[in-house]
PDB file of N, CA and C in Angstrom:
ATOM      1  N   MET A   1     -21.591 -12.056  -4.433  1.00  0.00           N
ATOM      2  CA  MET A   1     -20.661 -10.998  -4.746  1.00  0.00           C
ATOM      3  C   MET A   1     -19.239 -11.548  -4.620  1.00  0.00           C
ATOM      4  N   THR A   2     -18.425 -11.323  -5.602  1.00  0.00           N
ATOM      5  CA  THR A   2     -17.055 -11.805  -5.578  1.00  0.00           C
ATOM      6  C   THR A   2     -16.193 -10.909  -4.705  1.00  0.00           C
ATOM      7  N   ASP A   3     -14.996 -11.379  -4.373  1.00  0.00           N
ATOM      8  CA  ASP A   3     -14.068 -10.587  -3.577  1.00  0.00           C
ATOM      9  C   ASP A   3     -13.704  -9.291  -4.296  1.00  0.00           C
ATOM     10  N   ARG A   4     -13.549  -9.383  -5.603  1.00  0.00           N
ATOM     11  CA  ARG A   4     -13.184  -8.192  -6.378  1.00  0.00           C
ATOM     12  C   ARG A   4     -14.304  -7.156  -6.334  1.00  0.00           C
ATOM     13  N   GLU A   5     -15.549  -7.594  -6.478  1.00  0.00           N
ATOM     14  CA  GLU A   5     -16.680  -6.657  -6.429  1.00  0.00           C
ATOM     15  C   GLU A   5     -16.782  -6.016  -5.047  1.00  0.00           C
ATOM     16  N   TYR A   6     -16.569  -6.817  -4.013  1.00  0.00           N
ATOM     17  CA  TYR A   6     -16.637  -6.294  -2.648  1.00  0.00           C
ATOM     18  C   TYR A   6     -15.545  -5.248  -2.411  1.00  0.00           C
ATOM     19  N   ALA A   7     -14.317  -5.567  -2.810  1.00  0.00           N
ATOM     20  CA  ALA A   7     -13.211  -4.621  -2.631  1.00  0.00           C
ATOM     21  C   ALA A   7     -13.435  -3.358  -3.451  1.00  0.00           C
ATOM     22  N   ALA A   8     -13.966  -3.506  -4.649  1.00  0.00           N
ATOM     23  CA  ALA A   8     -14.229  -2.334  -5.486  1.00  0.00           C
ATOM     24  C   ALA A   8     -15.279  -1.438  -4.848  1.00  0.00           C
ATOM     25  N   ARG A   9     -16.299  -2.019  -4.253  1.00  0.00           N
ATOM     26  CA  ARG A   9     -17.332  -1.213  -3.582  1.00  0.00           C
ATOM     27  C   ARG A   9     -16.755  -0.443  -2.413  1.00  0.00           C
ATOM     28  N   ILE A  10     -15.954  -1.118  -1.615  1.00  0.00           N
ATOM     29  CA  ILE A  10     -15.340  -0.452  -0.468  1.00  0.00           C
ATOM     30  C   ILE A  10     -14.420   0.663  -0.948  1.00  0.00           C
ATOM     31  N   TYR A  11     -13.607   0.382  -1.948  1.00  0.00           N
ATOM     32  CA  TYR A  11     -12.649   1.363  -2.437  1.00  0.00           C
ATOM     33  C   TYR A  11     -13.368   2.583  -3.003  1.00  0.00           C
ATOM     34  N   CYS A  12     -14.437   2.372  -3.744  1.00  0.00           N
ATOM     35  CA  CYS A  12     -15.183   3.490  -4.322  1.00  0.00           C
ATOM     36  C   CYS A  12     -15.904   4.289  -3.245  1.00  0.00           C
ATOM     37  N   GLN A  13     -16.309   3.653  -2.174  1.00  0.00           N
ATOM     38  CA  GLN A  13     -16.950   4.390  -1.096  1.00  0.00           C
ATOM     39  C   GLN A  13     -15.951   5.257  -0.351  1.00  0.00           C
ATOM     40  N   VAL A  14     -14.700   4.832  -0.330  1.00  0.00           N
ATOM     41  CA  VAL A  14     -13.681   5.609   0.355  1.00  0.00           C
ATOM     42  C   VAL A  14     -13.268   6.821  -0.469  1.00  0.00           C
ATOM     43  N   PHE A  15     -13.327   6.722  -1.773  1.00  0.00           N
ATOM     44  CA  PHE A  15     -12.886   7.801  -2.632  1.00  0.00           C
ATOM     45  C   PHE A  15     -14.028   8.411  -3.437  1.00  0.00           C
ATOM     46  N   PRO A  16     -15.065   8.911  -2.787  1.00  0.00           N
ATOM     47  CA  PRO A  16     -16.071   9.639  -3.552  1.00  0.00           C
ATOM     48  C   PRO A  16     -15.511  11.007  -3.917  1.00  0.00           C
ATOM     49  N   ASN A  17     -16.283  11.803  -4.633  1.00  0.00           N
ATOM     50  CA  ASN A  17     -15.810  13.129  -5.023  1.00  0.00           C
ATOM     51  C   ASN A  17     -15.457  13.976  -3.807  1.00  0.00           C
ATOM     52  N   GLU A  18     -16.299  13.947  -2.800  1.00  0.00           N
ATOM     53  CA  GLU A  18     -16.018  14.669  -1.564  1.00  0.00           C
ATOM     54  C   GLU A  18     -16.245  13.726  -0.395  1.00  0.00           C
ATOM     55  N   LEU A  19     -15.250  13.613   0.449  1.00  0.00           N
ATOM     56  CA  LEU A  19     -15.327  12.696   1.575  1.00  0.00           C
ATOM     57  C   LEU A  19     -16.034  13.383   2.736  1.00  0.00           C
ATOM     58  N   ALA A  20     -17.016  12.727   3.289  1.00  0.00           N
ATOM     59  CA  ALA A  20     -17.760  13.293   4.415  1.00  0.00           C
ATOM     60  C   ALA A  20     -16.853  13.401   5.629  1.00  0.00           C
ATOM     61  N   ASP A  21     -16.939  14.515   6.316  1.00  0.00           N
ATOM     62  CA  ASP A  21     -16.098  14.738   7.491  1.00  0.00           C
ATOM     63  C   ASP A  21     -16.441  13.800   8.627  1.00  0.00           C
ATOM     64  N   THR A  22     -17.657  13.302   8.676  1.00  0.00           N
ATOM     65  CA  THR A  22     -18.091  12.505   9.813  1.00  0.00           C
ATOM     66  C   THR A  22     -17.885  11.007   9.621  1.00  0.00           C
ATOM     67  N   ASP A  23     -17.469  10.565   8.474  1.00  0.00           N
ATOM     68  CA  ASP A  23     -17.330   9.141   8.211  1.00  0.00           C
ATOM     69  C   ASP A  23     -15.963   8.654   8.692  1.00  0.00           C
ATOM     70  N   MET A  24     -15.900   8.159   9.929  1.00  0.00           N
ATOM     71  CA  MET A  24     -14.644   7.731  10.528  1.00  0.00           C
ATOM     72  C   MET A  24     -14.045   6.542   9.797  1.00  0.00           C
ATOM     73  N   TYR A  25     -14.882   5.602   9.397  1.00  0.00           N
ATOM     74  CA  TYR A  25     -14.393   4.396   8.739  1.00  0.00           C
ATOM     75  C   TYR A  25     -13.711   4.740   7.419  1.00  0.00           C
ATOM     76  N   ALA A  26     -14.346   5.607   6.631  1.00  0.00           N
ATOM     77  CA  ALA A  26     -13.769   5.998   5.339  1.00  0.00           C
ATOM     78  C   ALA A  26     -12.462   6.745   5.540  1.00  0.00           C
ATOM     79  N   ARG A  27     -12.405   7.616   6.523  1.00  0.00           N
ATOM     80  CA  ARG A  27     -11.159   8.345   6.776  1.00  0.00           C
ATOM     81  C   ARG A  27     -10.052   7.396   7.220  1.00  0.00           C
ATOM     82  N   GLY A  28     -10.400   6.384   8.017  1.00  0.00           N
ATOM     83  CA  GLY A  28      -9.396   5.419   8.455  1.00  0.00           C
ATOM     84  C   GLY A  28      -8.839   4.604   7.301  1.00  0.00           C
ATOM     85  N   ILE A  29      -9.716   4.166   6.402  1.00  0.00           N
ATOM     86  CA  ILE A  29      -9.253   3.411   5.225  1.00  0.00           C
ATOM     87  C   ILE A  29      -8.385   4.295   4.348  1.00  0.00           C
ATOM     88  N   LEU A  30      -8.799   5.530   4.174  1.00  0.00           N
ATOM     89  CA  LEU A  30      -8.016   6.465   3.362  1.00  0.00           C
ATOM     90  C   LEU A  30      -6.630   6.665   3.958  1.00  0.00           C
ATOM     91  N   GLU A  31      -6.558   6.799   5.266  1.00  0.00           N
ATOM     92  CA  GLU A  31      -5.256   6.930   5.914  1.00  0.00           C
ATOM     93  C   GLU A  31      -4.408   5.679   5.726  1.00  0.00           C
ATOM     94  N   MET A  32      -5.034   4.508   5.823  1.00  0.00           N
ATOM     95  CA  MET A  32      -4.298   3.263   5.625  1.00  0.00           C
ATOM     96  C   MET A  32      -3.744   3.181   4.203  1.00  0.00           C
ATOM     97  N   ILE A  33      -4.548   3.559   3.235  1.00  0.00           N
ATOM     98  CA  ILE A  33      -4.099   3.503   1.839  1.00  0.00           C
ATOM     99  C   ILE A  33      -2.954   4.477   1.611  1.00  0.00           C
ATOM    100  N   HIS A  34      -3.006   5.625   2.272  1.00  0.00           N
ATOM    101  CA  HIS A  34      -1.943   6.615   2.098  1.00  0.00           C
ATOM    102  C   HIS A  34      -0.638   6.222   2.779  1.00  0.00           C
ATOM    103  N   THR A  35      -0.647   5.173   3.603  1.00  0.00           N
ATOM    104  CA  THR A  35       0.597   4.691   4.198  1.00  0.00           C
ATOM    105  C   THR A  35       1.360   3.791   3.229  1.00  0.00           C
ATOM    106  N   LEU A  36       0.689   3.365   2.162  1.00  0.00           N
ATOM    107  CA  LEU A  36       1.327   2.502   1.164  1.00  0.00           C
ATOM    108  C   LEU A  36       2.232   3.321   0.252  1.00  0.00           C
ATOM    109  N   PRO A  37       3.233   2.669  -0.356  1.00  0.00           N
ATOM    110  CA  PRO A  37       4.035   3.353  -1.368  1.00  0.00           C
ATOM    111  C   PRO A  37       3.163   3.786  -2.556  1.00  0.00           C
ATOM    112  N   GLU A  38       3.617   4.774  -3.280  1.00  0.00           N
ATOM    113  CA  GLU A  38       2.848   5.368  -4.379  1.00  0.00           C
ATOM    114  C   GLU A  38       2.423   4.341  -5.433  1.00  0.00           C
ATOM    115  N   ARG A  39       3.316   3.439  -5.769  1.00  0.00           N
ATOM    116  CA  ARG A  39       2.993   2.447  -6.802  1.00  0.00           C
ATOM    117  C   ARG A  39       1.855   1.533  -6.369  1.00  0.00           C
ATOM    118  N   GLU A  40       1.860   1.123  -5.109  1.00  0.00           N
ATOM    119  CA  GLU A  40       0.783   0.279  -4.596  1.00  0.00           C
ATOM    120  C   GLU A  40      -0.544   1.042  -4.554  1.00  0.00           C
ATOM    121  N   GLN A  41      -0.492   2.312  -4.186  1.00  0.00           N
ATOM    122  CA  GLN A  41      -1.704   3.136  -4.180  1.00  0.00           C
ATOM    123  C   GLN A  41      -2.304   3.232  -5.587  1.00  0.00           C
ATOM    124  N   GLN A  42      -1.451   3.489  -6.553  1.00  0.00           N
ATOM    125  CA  GLN A  42      -1.927   3.593  -7.935  1.00  0.00           C
ATOM    126  C   GLN A  42      -2.481   2.259  -8.430  1.00  0.00           C
ATOM    127  N   ALA A  43      -1.803   1.180  -8.099  1.00  0.00           N
ATOM    128  CA  ALA A  43      -2.264  -0.144  -8.536  1.00  0.00           C
ATOM    129  C   ALA A  43      -3.647  -0.444  -7.971  1.00  0.00           C
ATOM    130  N   LEU A  44      -3.867  -0.143  -6.689  1.00  0.00           N
ATOM    131  CA  LEU A  44      -5.183  -0.352  -6.094  1.00  0.00           C
ATOM    132  C   LEU A  44      -6.244   0.506  -6.770  1.00  0.00           C
ATOM    133  N   GLU A  45      -5.886   1.739  -7.049  1.00  0.00           N
ATOM    134  CA  GLU A  45      -6.846   2.635  -7.696  1.00  0.00           C
ATOM    135  C   GLU A  45      -7.214   2.121  -9.086  1.00  0.00           C
ATOM    136  N   TYR A  46      -6.232   1.749  -9.875  1.00  0.00           N
ATOM    137  CA  TYR A  46      -6.524   1.273 -11.227  1.00  0.00           C
ATOM    138  C   TYR A  46      -7.348  -0.011 -11.196  1.00  0.00           C
ATOM    139  N   TYR A  47      -6.946  -0.940 -10.337  1.00  0.00           N
ATOM    140  CA  TYR A  47      -7.583  -2.255 -10.337  1.00  0.00           C
ATOM    141  C   TYR A  47      -8.973  -2.233  -9.716  1.00  0.00           C
ATOM    142  N   TYR A  48      -9.100  -1.612  -8.545  1.00  0.00           N
ATOM    143  CA  TYR A  48     -10.377  -1.654  -7.841  1.00  0.00           C
ATOM    144  C   TYR A  48     -11.294  -0.483  -8.182  1.00  0.00           C
ATOM    145  N   ARG A  49     -10.771   0.708  -8.205  1.00  0.00           N
ATOM    146  CA  ARG A  49     -11.641   1.864  -8.446  1.00  0.00           C
ATOM    147  C   ARG A  49     -12.029   1.993  -9.913  1.00  0.00           C
ATOM    148  N   ASP A  50     -11.046   1.862 -10.802  1.00  0.00           N
ATOM    149  CA  ASP A  50     -11.311   2.001 -12.232  1.00  0.00           C
ATOM    150  C   ASP A  50     -11.775   0.708 -12.869  1.00  0.00           C
ATOM    151  N   GLY A  51     -11.596  -0.415 -12.172  1.00  0.00           N
ATOM    152  CA  GLY A  51     -12.054  -1.705 -12.678  1.00  0.00           C
ATOM    153  C   GLY A  51     -11.225  -2.239 -13.827  1.00  0.00           C
ATOM    154  N   LEU A  52      -9.952  -1.845 -13.902  1.00  0.00           N
ATOM    155  CA  LEU A  52      -9.088  -2.331 -14.979  1.00  0.00           C
ATOM    156  C   LEU A  52      -8.621  -3.755 -14.673  1.00  0.00           C
ATOM    157  N   THR A  53      -8.231  -4.449 -15.719  1.00  0.00           N
ATOM    158  CA  THR A  53      -7.672  -5.789 -15.544  1.00  0.00           C
ATOM    159  C   THR A  53      -6.218  -5.664 -15.106  1.00  0.00           C
ATOM    160  N   TYR A  54      -5.628  -6.797 -14.736  1.00  0.00           N
ATOM    161  CA  TYR A  54      -4.207  -6.769 -14.377  1.00  0.00           C
ATOM    162  C   TYR A  54      -3.362  -6.310 -15.563  1.00  0.00           C
ATOM    163  N   LYS A  55      -3.727  -6.740 -16.740  1.00  0.00           N
ATOM    164  CA  LYS A  55      -2.976  -6.357 -17.938  1.00  0.00           C
ATOM    165  C   LYS A  55      -3.044  -4.850 -18.159  1.00  0.00           C
ATOM    166  N   GLN A  56      -4.242  -4.266 -18.028  1.00  0.00           N
ATOM    167  CA  GLN A  56      -4.405  -2.822 -18.210  1.00  0.00           C
ATOM    168  C   GLN A  56      -3.725  -2.042 -17.090  1.00  0.00           C
ATOM    169  N   THR A  57      -3.815  -2.570 -15.877  1.00  0.00           N
ATOM    170  CA  THR A  57      -3.143  -1.927 -14.746  1.00  0.00           C
ATOM    171  C   THR A  57      -1.641  -1.943 -14.961  1.00  0.00           C
ATOM    172  N   GLY A  58      -1.133  -3.077 -15.403  1.00  0.00           N
ATOM    173  CA  GLY A  58       0.294  -3.180 -15.683  1.00  0.00           C
ATOM    174  C   GLY A  58       0.747  -2.232 -16.780  1.00  0.00           C
ATOM    175  N   ALA A  59      -0.077  -2.073 -17.809  1.00  0.00           N
ATOM    176  CA  ALA A  59       0.265  -1.157 -18.903  1.00  0.00           C
ATOM    177  C   ALA A  59       0.358   0.280 -18.390  1.00  0.00           C
ATOM    178  N   LYS A  60      -0.555   0.668 -17.512  1.00  0.00           N
ATOM    179  CA  LYS A  60      -0.523   2.032 -16.966  1.00  0.00           C
ATOM    180  C   LYS A  60       0.680   2.247 -16.048  1.00  0.00           C
ATOM    181  N   LEU A  61       1.099   1.180 -15.361  1.00  0.00           N
ATOM    182  CA  LEU A  61       2.228   1.293 -14.444  1.00  0.00           C
ATOM    183  C   LEU A  61       3.560   0.943 -15.101  1.00  0.00           C
ATOM    184  N   GLY A  62       3.519   0.484 -16.337  1.00  0.00           N
ATOM    185  CA  GLY A  62       4.741   0.081 -17.025  1.00  0.00           C
ATOM    186  C   GLY A  62       5.250  -1.270 -16.562  1.00  0.00           C
ATOM    187  N   LEU A  63       4.321  -2.168 -16.228  1.00  0.00           N
ATOM    188  CA  LEU A  63       4.664  -3.495 -15.729  1.00  0.00           C
ATOM    189  C   LEU A  63       4.000  -4.565 -16.581  1.00  0.00           C
ATOM    190  N   SER A  64       4.466  -5.785 -16.422  1.00  0.00           N
ATOM    191  CA  SER A  64       3.805  -6.911 -17.087  1.00  0.00           C
ATOM    192  C   SER A  64       2.570  -7.305 -16.284  1.00  0.00           C
ATOM    193  N   LEU A  65       1.775  -8.193 -16.861  1.00  0.00           N
ATOM    194  CA  LEU A  65       0.567  -8.671 -16.202  1.00  0.00           C
ATOM    195  C   LEU A  65       0.885  -9.293 -14.848  1.00  0.00           C
ATOM    196  N   SER A  66       1.872 -10.174 -14.805  1.00  0.00           N
ATOM    197  CA  SER A  66       2.197 -10.856 -13.547  1.00  0.00           C
ATOM    198  C   SER A  66       2.781  -9.892 -12.517  1.00  0.00           C
ATOM    199  N   GLN A  67       3.550  -8.923 -12.967  1.00  0.00           N
ATOM    200  CA  GLN A  67       4.096  -7.940 -12.038  1.00  0.00           C
ATOM    201  C   GLN A  67       2.989  -7.062 -11.458  1.00  0.00           C
ATOM    202  N   ALA A  68       2.020  -6.692 -12.294  1.00  0.00           N
ATOM    203  CA  ALA A  68       0.892  -5.886 -11.820  1.00  0.00           C
ATOM    204  C   ALA A  68       0.074  -6.668 -10.791  1.00  0.00           C
ATOM    205  N   ARG A  69      -0.140  -7.937 -11.051  1.00  0.00           N
ATOM    206  CA  ARG A  69      -0.878  -8.774 -10.111  1.00  0.00           C
ATOM    207  C   ARG A  69      -0.148  -8.842  -8.777  1.00  0.00           C
ATOM    208  N   LYS A  70       1.172  -8.989  -8.824  1.00  0.00           N
ATOM    209  CA  LYS A  70       1.964  -9.055  -7.602  1.00  0.00           C
ATOM    210  C   LYS A  70       1.908  -7.744  -6.825  1.00  0.00           C
ATOM    211  N   VAL A  71       1.918  -6.614  -7.521  1.00  0.00           N
ATOM    212  CA  VAL A  71       1.853  -5.314  -6.853  1.00  0.00           C
ATOM    213  C   VAL A  71       0.507  -5.134  -6.162  1.00  0.00           C
ATOM    214  N   VAL A  72      -0.580  -5.510  -6.845  1.00  0.00           N
ATOM    215  CA  VAL A  72      -1.921  -5.386  -6.251  1.00  0.00           C
ATOM    216  C   VAL A  72      -2.036  -6.313  -5.046  1.00  0.00           C
ATOM    217  N   MET A  73      -1.587  -7.542  -5.176  1.00  0.00           N
ATOM    218  CA  MET A  73      -1.676  -8.488  -4.067  1.00  0.00           C
ATOM    219  C   MET A  73      -0.800  -8.047  -2.892  1.00  0.00           C
ATOM    220  N   LYS A  74       0.361  -7.483  -3.188  1.00  0.00           N
ATOM    221  CA  LYS A  74       1.238  -6.989  -2.128  1.00  0.00           C
ATOM    222  C   LYS A  74       0.561  -5.837  -1.382  1.00  0.00           C
ATOM    223  N   ALA A  75      -0.099  -4.954  -2.119  1.00  0.00           N
ATOM    224  CA  ALA A  75      -0.795  -3.823  -1.495  1.00  0.00           C
ATOM    225  C   ALA A  75      -1.907  -4.321  -0.579  1.00  0.00           C
ATOM    226  N   VAL A  76      -2.645  -5.323  -1.028  1.00  0.00           N
ATOM    227  CA  VAL A  76      -3.718  -5.879  -0.205  1.00  0.00           C
ATOM    228  C   VAL A  76      -3.143  -6.539   1.040  1.00  0.00           C
ATOM    229  N   LEU A  77      -2.039  -7.274   0.889  1.00  0.00           N
ATOM    230  CA  LEU A  77      -1.405  -7.899   2.049  1.00  0.00           C
ATOM    231  C   LEU A  77      -0.895  -6.853   3.034  1.00  0.00           C
ATOM    232  N   LEU A  78      -0.337  -5.771   2.510  1.00  0.00           N
ATOM    233  CA  LEU A  78       0.137  -4.702   3.393  1.00  0.00           C
ATOM    234  C   LEU A  78      -1.022  -4.076   4.161  1.00  0.00           C
ATOM    235  N   LEU A  79      -2.163  -3.906   3.508  1.00  0.00           N
ATOM    236  CA  LEU A  79      -3.327  -3.336   4.183  1.00  0.00           C
ATOM    237  C   LEU A  79      -3.881  -4.279   5.243  1.00  0.00           C
ATOM    238  N   ARG A  80      -3.748  -5.581   5.018  1.00  0.00           N
ATOM    239  CA  ARG A  80      -4.262  -6.566   5.972  1.00  0.00           C
ATOM    240  C   ARG A  80      -3.298  -6.823   7.123  1.00  0.00           C
ATOM    241  N   HIS A  81      -2.070  -6.314   7.028  1.00  0.00           N
ATOM    242  CA  HIS A  81      -1.082  -6.537   8.075  1.00  0.00           C
ATOM    243  C   HIS A  81      -1.588  -5.939   9.393  1.00  0.00           C
ATOM    244  N   PRO A  82      -1.377  -6.649  10.504  1.00  0.00           N
ATOM    245  CA  PRO A  82      -1.888  -6.161  11.789  1.00  0.00           C
ATOM    246  C   PRO A  82      -1.431  -4.752  12.163  1.00  0.00           C
ATOM    247  N   ALA A  83      -0.248  -4.357  11.749  1.00  0.00           N
ATOM    248  CA  ALA A  83       0.228  -3.017  12.082  1.00  0.00           C
ATOM    249  C   ALA A  83      -0.694  -1.945  11.503  1.00  0.00           C
ATOM    250  N   ARG A  84      -1.256  -2.198  10.327  1.00  0.00           N
ATOM    251  CA  ARG A  84      -2.180  -1.241   9.725  1.00  0.00           C
ATOM    252  C   ARG A  84      -3.625  -1.525  10.123  1.00  0.00           C
ATOM    253  N   SER A  85      -4.017  -2.781  10.101  1.00  0.00           N
ATOM    254  CA  SER A  85      -5.417  -3.112  10.352  1.00  0.00           C
ATOM    255  C   SER A  85      -5.821  -2.883  11.804  1.00  0.00           C
ATOM    256  N   ASP A  86      -4.883  -2.939  12.748  1.00  0.00           N
ATOM    257  CA  ASP A  86      -5.215  -2.661  14.143  1.00  0.00           C
ATOM    258  C   ASP A  86      -5.669  -1.216  14.331  1.00  0.00           C
ATOM    259  N   ASN A  87      -5.173  -0.338  13.482  1.00  0.00           N
ATOM    260  CA  ASN A  87      -5.581   1.061  13.566  1.00  0.00           C
ATOM    261  C   ASN A  87      -7.024   1.265  13.133  1.00  0.00           C
ATOM    262  N   MET A  88      -7.642   0.249  12.541  1.00  0.00           N
ATOM    263  CA  MET A  88      -9.014   0.363  12.069  1.00  0.00           C
ATOM    264  C   MET A  88     -10.022  -0.168  13.085  1.00  0.00           C
ATOM    265  N   SER A  89      -9.576  -0.536  14.287  1.00  0.00           N
ATOM    266  CA  SER A  89     -10.524  -1.013  15.286  1.00  0.00           C
ATOM    267  C   SER A  89     -11.474   0.121  15.654  1.00  0.00           C
ATOM    268  N   ILE A  90     -12.700  -0.235  15.951  1.00  0.00           N
ATOM    269  CA  ILE A  90     -13.724   0.762  16.257  1.00  0.00           C
ATOM    270  C   ILE A  90     -13.311   1.615  17.450  1.00  0.00           C
ATOM    271  N   ARG A  91     -12.753   1.004  18.459  1.00  0.00           N
ATOM    272  CA  ARG A  91     -12.355   1.748  19.650  1.00  0.00           C
ATOM    273  C   ARG A  91     -11.327   2.827  19.306  1.00  0.00           C
ATOM    274  N   ARG A  92     -10.323   2.467  18.535  1.00  0.00           N
ATOM    275  CA  ARG A  92      -9.303   3.450  18.153  1.00  0.00           C
ATOM    276  C   ARG A  92      -9.868   4.528  17.239  1.00  0.00           C
ATOM    277  N   MET A  93     -10.761   4.139  16.332  1.00  0.00           N
ATOM    278  CA  MET A  93     -11.345   5.120  15.411  1.00  0.00           C
ATOM    279  C   MET A  93     -12.160   6.149  16.180  1.00  0.00           C
ATOM    280  N   VAL A  94     -12.952   5.690  17.138  1.00  0.00           N
ATOM    281  CA  VAL A  94     -13.780   6.615  17.914  1.00  0.00           C
ATOM    282  C   VAL A  94     -12.893   7.536  18.742  1.00  0.00           C
ATOM    283  N   LYS A  95     -11.865   6.951  19.361  1.00  0.00           N
ATOM    284  CA  LYS A  95     -10.959   7.751  20.182  1.00  0.00           C
ATOM    285  C   LYS A  95     -10.219   8.789  19.332  1.00  0.00           C
ATOM    286  N   LYS A  96      -9.826   8.401  18.136  1.00  0.00           N
ATOM    287  CA  LYS A  96      -9.025   9.279  17.281  1.00  0.00           C
ATOM    288  C   LYS A  96      -9.851  10.415  16.685  1.00  0.00           C
ATOM    289  N   TYR A  97     -11.063  10.131  16.261  1.00  0.00           N
ATOM    290  CA  TYR A  97     -11.857  11.123  15.518  1.00  0.00           C
ATOM    291  C   TYR A  97     -12.960  11.783  16.322  1.00  0.00           C
ATOM    292  N   THR A  98     -13.135  11.403  17.562  1.00  0.00           N
ATOM    293  CA  THR A  98     -14.177  12.020  18.363  1.00  0.00           C
ATOM    294  C   THR A  98     -13.610  13.226  19.093  1.00  0.00           C
ATOM    295  N   VAL A  99     -14.273  14.341  18.913  1.00  0.00           N
ATOM    296  CA  VAL A  99     -13.857  15.562  19.605  1.00  0.00           C
ATOM    297  C   VAL A  99     -14.769  15.739  20.810  1.00  0.00           C
ATOM    298  N   LEU A 100     -14.165  15.831  21.971  1.00  0.00           N
ATOM    299  CA  LEU A 100     -14.962  15.970  23.191  1.00  0.00           C
ATOM    300  C   LEU A 100     -15.144  17.408  23.561  1.00  0.00           C
TER     301      LEU A 100
END
């Protein structure tokens, strides 16, 4: 499985038609994605969820192919940044979403 296929699977699992209330991991990823600027969110959706190419993603965003690639890569780097990814630790997720 390529990196693109893996990311697309994860992204599609996070954005099903209705998100399960009990899925802490999916809610955490959704929250992380919503911390991104609107353009980065749209770029991720077009590229990973819709499976568009960089050229098609750029056309939808009004960007060139290379600019679209940079926006998608920037969004992925922002998601991997420790400030965001630390919030996805299992301990924090359980503490945040568990009602006692």
